[in-house]
Protein backbone atom coordinates (compact mmCIF):
# COMPACT_ATOMS: atom_id res chain seq x y z
CA MET A 1 13.72 -13.99 15.48
CA LEU A 2 12.93 -17.09 17.35
CA GLY A 3 15.79 -19.22 18.80
CA LEU A 4 18.26 -16.35 19.75
CA ASN A 5 20.86 -17.33 22.25
CA HIS A 6 20.30 -15.15 25.26
CA THR A 7 21.32 -17.84 28.03
CA SER A 8 24.83 -16.04 28.63
CA THR A 9 23.48 -12.48 28.99
CA SER A 10 20.14 -10.68 29.52
CA GLU A 11 21.29 -7.11 28.60
CA PHE A 12 24.20 -5.03 27.36
CA ILE A 13 25.40 -1.59 28.09
CA LEU A 14 25.76 0.92 25.15
CA VAL A 15 28.95 2.82 25.94
CA GLY A 16 28.09 5.55 23.03
CA PHE A 17 29.29 8.87 23.74
CA SER A 18 30.24 8.41 27.26
CA ALA A 19 33.77 9.24 26.38
CA PHE A 20 32.62 12.71 25.60
CA PRO A 21 30.92 13.89 28.82
CA HIS A 22 31.38 17.61 28.18
CA LEU A 23 29.83 17.26 24.64
CA GLN A 24 26.87 15.23 25.42
CA LEU A 25 24.30 18.08 25.75
CA MET A 26 25.70 19.65 22.53
CA LEU A 27 25.38 16.52 20.69
CA PHE A 28 21.99 15.87 22.12
CA LEU A 29 20.63 19.22 20.76
CA LEU A 30 22.42 18.80 17.53
CA PHE A 31 21.25 15.49 16.88
CA LEU A 32 17.67 16.16 18.01
CA LEU A 33 17.53 19.18 15.65
CA MET A 34 18.75 16.98 12.68
CA TYR A 35 16.41 14.10 13.69
CA LEU A 36 13.40 16.62 13.68
CA PHE A 37 14.41 17.97 10.42
CA THR A 38 14.79 14.60 8.81
CA LEU A 39 11.36 13.67 9.91
CA LEU A 40 9.81 16.99 8.83
CA GLY A 41 11.70 16.79 5.38
CA ASN A 42 10.49 13.42 4.59
CA LEU A 43 6.93 14.05 5.77
CA LEU A 44 6.68 17.00 3.63
CA ILE A 45 7.91 15.08 0.67
CA MET A 46 5.20 12.30 1.14
CA ALA A 47 2.55 14.90 1.84
CA THR A 48 3.41 16.66 -1.39
CA VAL A 49 3.53 13.55 -3.37
CA TRP A 50 0.28 12.43 -2.01
CA SER A 51 -1.58 15.83 -2.56
CA GLN A 52 -0.32 16.60 -6.15
CA ARG A 53 -1.70 14.39 -8.76
CA SER A 54 0.99 15.20 -11.20
CA LEU A 55 3.43 13.55 -9.03
CA HIS A 56 1.58 10.19 -9.10
CA THR A 57 4.29 8.56 -11.07
CA PRO A 58 6.61 5.64 -10.37
CA MET A 59 9.36 8.06 -9.81
CA TYR A 60 7.68 9.65 -6.87
CA LEU A 61 6.26 6.43 -5.64
CA PHE A 62 9.94 5.36 -5.23
CA LEU A 63 10.70 8.54 -3.48
CA CYS A 64 7.89 8.22 -1.01
CA ALA A 65 9.04 4.71 -0.36
CA LEU A 66 12.46 5.98 0.34
CA SER A 67 11.25 8.62 2.60
CA VAL A 68 9.30 5.87 4.67
CA SER A 69 12.45 3.63 4.83
CA GLU A 70 14.38 6.80 6.01
CA ILE A 71 11.98 7.56 8.57
CA LEU A 72 11.81 4.16 10.10
CA TYR A 73 15.62 3.80 9.83
CA THR A 74 16.07 6.83 12.06
CA VAL A 75 13.14 5.84 14.38
CA ALA A 76 15.04 2.48 14.97
CA ILE A 77 18.44 4.28 16.09
CA ILE A 78 18.14 8.02 17.07
CA PRO A 79 15.52 8.17 19.69
CA ARG A 80 17.60 5.61 21.72
CA MET A 81 20.64 7.41 21.12
CA LEU A 82 19.07 10.92 22.16
CA ALA A 83 17.85 9.04 25.37
CA ASP A 84 21.26 7.63 26.15
CA LEU A 85 23.07 11.03 25.76
CA LEU A 86 20.76 12.21 28.62
CA SER A 87 20.97 9.27 30.70
CA THR A 88 23.64 7.34 32.93
CA GLN A 89 21.81 4.24 32.76
CA ARG A 90 22.48 2.78 29.01
CA SER A 91 21.62 -0.75 29.51
CA ILE A 92 19.59 -2.37 26.75
CA ALA A 93 17.80 -5.63 27.09
CA PHE A 94 19.13 -8.65 24.90
CA LEU A 95 15.95 -8.87 22.74
CA ALA A 96 15.71 -5.03 22.57
CA CYS A 97 19.27 -4.97 21.06
CA ALA A 98 18.52 -7.73 18.72
CA SER A 99 15.29 -5.73 17.62
CA GLN A 100 17.32 -2.75 17.01
CA MET A 101 19.83 -4.48 14.84
CA PHE A 102 16.94 -6.14 12.79
CA PHE A 103 15.04 -3.06 12.06
CA SER A 104 18.14 -0.91 11.43
CA PHE A 105 19.63 -3.42 8.95
CA SER A 106 16.14 -4.15 7.50
CA PHE A 107 15.60 -0.40 6.73
CA GLY A 108 19.04 0.48 5.96
CA PHE A 109 19.20 -2.22 3.02
CA THR A 110 15.73 -1.34 2.02
CA HIS A 111 17.04 2.25 1.41
CA SER A 112 19.81 0.88 -0.74
CA PHE A 113 17.51 -1.38 -2.55
CA LEU A 114 15.12 1.60 -3.48
CA LEU A 115 18.08 3.71 -4.57
CA THR A 116 18.92 0.84 -7.00
CA VAL A 117 15.34 0.65 -8.15
CA MET A 118 15.25 4.62 -8.61
CA GLY A 119 18.44 4.25 -10.70
CA TYR A 120 16.51 1.53 -12.86
CA ASP A 121 13.63 3.95 -13.18
CA ARG A 122 15.71 6.85 -14.58
CA TYR A 123 17.51 4.30 -17.12
CA VAL A 124 14.20 3.34 -18.42
CA ALA A 125 12.71 6.83 -18.56
CA ILE A 126 15.86 8.11 -20.41
CA CYS A 127 16.99 5.06 -22.50
CA ARG A 128 13.70 3.22 -23.16
CA PRO A 129 11.20 6.09 -22.97
CA LEU A 130 8.78 4.34 -25.34
CA ARG A 131 8.58 1.32 -23.10
CA TYR A 132 8.46 3.32 -19.81
CA ASN A 133 4.70 2.99 -19.28
CA VAL A 134 4.94 -0.75 -19.82
CA LEU A 135 8.12 -1.45 -17.60
CA MET A 136 7.01 1.06 -15.13
CA SER A 137 3.36 0.38 -14.82
CA PRO A 138 1.77 1.11 -11.32
CA ARG A 139 1.80 -2.71 -10.83
CA GLY A 140 5.47 -3.00 -11.67
CA GLY A 141 6.30 -0.07 -9.63
CA ALA A 142 4.57 -1.43 -6.59
CA CYS A 143 6.16 -4.82 -7.24
CA LEU A 144 9.82 -3.31 -7.18
CA VAL A 145 9.00 -1.39 -3.95
CA GLY A 146 7.68 -4.60 -2.40
CA CYS A 147 10.54 -6.58 -3.49
CA SER A 148 12.85 -3.90 -1.97
CA TRP A 149 11.11 -4.02 1.34
CA ALA A 150 11.13 -7.86 1.44
CA GLY A 151 14.80 -8.02 0.48
CA GLY A 152 15.63 -5.57 3.23
CA SER A 153 13.62 -7.62 5.93
CA VAL A 154 15.39 -10.86 4.74
CA MET A 155 18.84 -9.09 5.03
CA GLY A 156 18.04 -7.95 8.66
CA MET A 157 16.81 -11.42 9.76
CA VAL A 158 19.73 -13.05 8.23
CA VAL A 159 22.31 -10.71 9.88
CA THR A 160 20.39 -10.64 13.39
CA THR A 161 19.85 -14.30 13.53
CA ALA A 162 23.64 -14.93 12.57
CA ILE A 163 24.89 -12.50 15.28
CA PHE A 164 22.51 -13.34 18.07
CA GLN A 165 22.90 -17.05 17.78
CA LEU A 166 26.51 -16.54 19.14
CA THR A 167 27.36 -16.75 22.78
CA PHE A 168 28.44 -13.60 24.46
CA CYS A 169 30.86 -13.68 27.42
CA GLY A 170 33.08 -11.49 29.42
CA SER A 171 32.37 -7.77 29.26
CA HIS A 172 28.79 -6.74 28.02
CA GLU A 173 29.77 -3.15 27.23
CA ILE A 174 29.01 -2.43 23.45
CA GLN A 175 31.35 0.15 22.28
CA HIS A 176 28.96 1.98 20.20
CA PHE A 177 25.69 3.96 20.40
CA LEU A 178 23.75 1.22 18.83
CA CYS A 179 23.67 -2.53 18.57
CA HIS A 180 25.82 -3.02 15.60
CA VAL A 181 27.83 -5.95 14.30
CA PRO A 182 31.38 -5.36 14.63
CA PRO A 183 31.24 -4.24 18.65
CA LEU A 184 28.91 -7.20 19.19
CA LEU A 185 31.35 -9.57 17.49
CA LYS A 186 34.01 -8.42 19.91
CA LEU A 187 32.01 -9.45 22.87
CA ALA A 188 31.08 -13.00 21.16
CA CYS A 189 33.27 -16.04 22.12
CA GLY A 190 33.31 -19.44 20.65
CA ASN A 191 34.97 -21.31 17.74
CA ASN A 192 32.29 -20.05 15.23
CA VAL A 193 32.85 -16.29 15.64
CA PRO A 194 35.26 -15.79 12.74
CA ALA A 195 33.11 -17.97 10.41
CA VAL A 196 29.97 -15.81 11.49
CA ALA A 197 32.01 -12.56 10.87
CA LEU A 198 33.11 -13.54 7.71
CA GLY A 199 29.62 -14.83 6.49
CA VAL A 200 27.85 -11.75 7.69
CA GLY A 201 30.60 -9.42 6.11
CA PHE A 202 30.33 -11.18 2.80
CA VAL A 203 26.58 -10.97 2.62
CA CYS A 204 26.42 -7.28 3.60
CA ILE A 205 29.23 -6.38 1.20
CA THR A 206 27.87 -8.46 -1.71
CA ALA A 207 24.41 -6.79 -1.43
CA LEU A 208 25.75 -3.28 -1.12
CA LEU A 209 28.19 -3.63 -3.82
CA GLY A 210 25.67 -5.42 -5.99
CA CYS A 211 23.38 -2.28 -5.63
CA PHE A 212 26.12 0.00 -6.30
CA LEU A 213 27.26 -1.77 -9.40
CA LEU A 214 23.95 -2.00 -10.86
CA ILE A 215 23.41 1.85 -10.12
CA LEU A 216 26.63 2.53 -11.84
CA LEU A 217 25.50 0.31 -14.71
CA SER A 218 22.28 2.20 -15.03
CA TYR A 219 24.10 5.59 -15.14
CA ALA A 220 26.52 4.34 -17.72
CA PHE A 221 23.74 3.89 -20.12
CA ILE A 222 22.12 6.96 -18.95
CA VAL A 223 25.13 8.91 -19.64
CA ALA A 224 25.89 7.38 -23.10
CA THR A 225 22.16 8.21 -24.11
CA ILE A 226 22.31 11.72 -22.82
CA LEU A 227 25.47 12.44 -24.73
CA LYS A 228 23.72 11.37 -27.94
CA ILE A 229 21.03 14.28 -27.47
CA PRO A 230 21.90 16.90 -30.17
CA SER A 231 20.67 20.13 -28.21
CA ALA A 232 22.28 21.32 -24.87
CA GLU A 233 18.74 22.10 -23.55
CA GLY A 234 17.67 18.61 -24.09
CA ARG A 235 20.86 17.13 -22.28
CA ASN A 236 20.56 19.39 -19.38
CA LYS A 237 16.75 18.54 -19.00
CA ALA A 238 17.56 14.66 -19.21
CA PHE A 239 20.23 15.24 -16.61
CA SER A 240 18.21 17.31 -14.18
CA THR A 241 15.83 14.31 -13.69
CA CYS A 242 18.80 12.33 -12.32
CA ALA A 243 20.77 14.92 -10.50
CA SER A 244 19.13 14.69 -6.98
CA HIS A 245 19.19 10.83 -7.10
CA LEU A 246 22.77 10.74 -8.08
CA ILE A 247 23.82 13.21 -5.34
CA VAL A 248 21.95 10.96 -2.62
CA VAL A 249 23.69 7.86 -4.01
CA ILE A 250 27.17 9.49 -3.82
CA VAL A 251 26.37 10.71 -0.26
CA HIS A 252 24.99 7.43 0.76
CA TYR A 253 27.78 5.32 -0.57
CA GLY A 254 30.28 7.77 0.31
CA PHE A 255 29.86 7.70 3.99
CA ALA A 256 29.16 4.04 4.05
CA SER A 257 32.56 3.37 2.44
CA VAL A 258 34.40 5.60 4.83
CA ILE A 259 32.87 3.78 7.70
CA TYR A 260 33.04 0.17 6.70
CA LEU A 261 35.80 -0.04 4.09
CA LYS A 262 38.36 2.17 5.94
CA PRO A 263 41.61 0.35 6.33
CA LYS A 264 42.33 -1.26 9.52
CA GLY A 265 44.83 0.58 11.83
CA PRO A 266 45.54 2.27 15.03
CA HIS A 267 42.35 4.39 15.49
CA SER A 268 40.22 5.12 18.66
CA GLN A 269 36.87 3.63 19.37
CA GLU A 270 35.45 7.09 19.99
CA GLY A 271 36.67 8.31 16.68
CA ASP A 272 34.68 5.28 15.04
CA THR A 273 31.72 6.19 17.24
CA LEU A 274 31.76 9.73 15.92
CA MET A 275 32.50 8.61 12.43
CA ALA A 276 29.21 6.32 12.58
CA THR A 277 26.94 9.36 13.20
CA THR A 278 27.66 10.64 9.67
CA TYR A 279 25.93 7.68 8.35
CA THR A 280 23.08 7.13 10.75
CA VAL A 281 22.26 10.88 11.48
CA PHE A 282 23.85 13.11 8.70
CA THR A 283 22.99 11.02 5.68
CA PRO A 284 19.32 10.84 6.47
CA PHE A 285 19.34 14.57 7.25
CA LEU A 286 20.78 15.39 3.83
CA SER A 287 18.72 13.15 1.75
CA PRO A 288 15.13 15.23 1.86
CA ILE A 289 17.22 18.44 1.48
CA ILE A 290 18.90 17.22 -1.72
CA PHE A 291 15.58 15.87 -3.24
CA SER A 292 13.79 19.10 -2.30
CA LEU A 293 16.24 21.33 -3.68
CA ARG A 294 17.58 19.52 -6.74
CA ASN A 295 14.26 18.39 -8.04
CA LYS A 296 12.70 21.31 -9.81
CA GLU A 297 9.17 19.56 -10.34
CA LEU A 298 9.01 18.52 -6.52
CA LYS A 299 10.27 22.12 -5.41
CA VAL A 300 7.32 23.72 -7.55
CA ALA A 301 4.83 21.16 -6.12
CA MET A 302 6.05 21.81 -2.58
CA ARG A 303 5.41 25.66 -3.02
CA LYS A 304 2.10 25.14 -4.71
CA THR A 305 0.84 22.67 -1.92
CA PHE A 306 2.22 24.60 1.18
CA LEU A 307 2.41 28.22 0.27
CA SER A 308 -1.12 28.19 -1.12
CA LYS A 309 -2.25 26.55 2.02
CA LEU A 310 -0.53 29.08 4.25
CA TYR A 311 -1.88 32.05 2.18
CA SER A 312 -5.44 30.63 2.23
CA SER A 313 -5.22 30.35 6.03
CA GLY A 314 -3.76 33.84 6.40
CA THR A 315 -6.64 35.41 4.50
């Protein structure tokens, strides 16, 4: 991130939840518990997949990569947010702000790309089962994961470089709990601000909408194939392999659309800040729960891995 324009300011102030002083301690405890559960849930998934050879398949490789991206995404945002909830000094250095934006966008888009890859994996498994081992070989799966991470990093770099090449003047208060694009654009000045805002919005929406449409296309073929299965048991078994991924996709894009695609109108900045927590805190919290509870194979493997260890240590 060389060449960032920080001649006009050296730091920003994250306003965050200062509008709710009476709720800050309660919010701190709530977000801390959800953050710890998010970390624990994703680490349990990773440990289970690592320890069970039966789960060493592309599907669970993608799930592990998704857990890693989720952990890193929350690490980029939540620790700083928790510290600010207990502090009266909420200043953040210019480069620290740029770094937070880069990592949050990188891991956030990596998450979306991995969900798309997982949708493709389910399409191949159900619609092209005879070619699954060829299309989803270990090398092919690793390549898809690598491309997802590379794509997320490119998106983070593009967005961060575009925003932090702007000149910031006037108030340096960011009306948010993290360095996010819309509140930073409000602090920018210059003739190029509308063009940058339009360009960043176009790139982000195109990437997210493209991922979502590819997932929809995968599931259109999946549903058409499942409906052709003659037995109800076969249909249920096929759908059960997709259920957890589909629910996570609905939650992921559902909360994202509520925040980023809501119609403009008279609404409070405080309300926007609270709504943003659904995407940055609540969605990562739900994801490991959904995968753990809705994926029967993973649930059985978790019981086998951890309950057997607890039993053996107890005896």
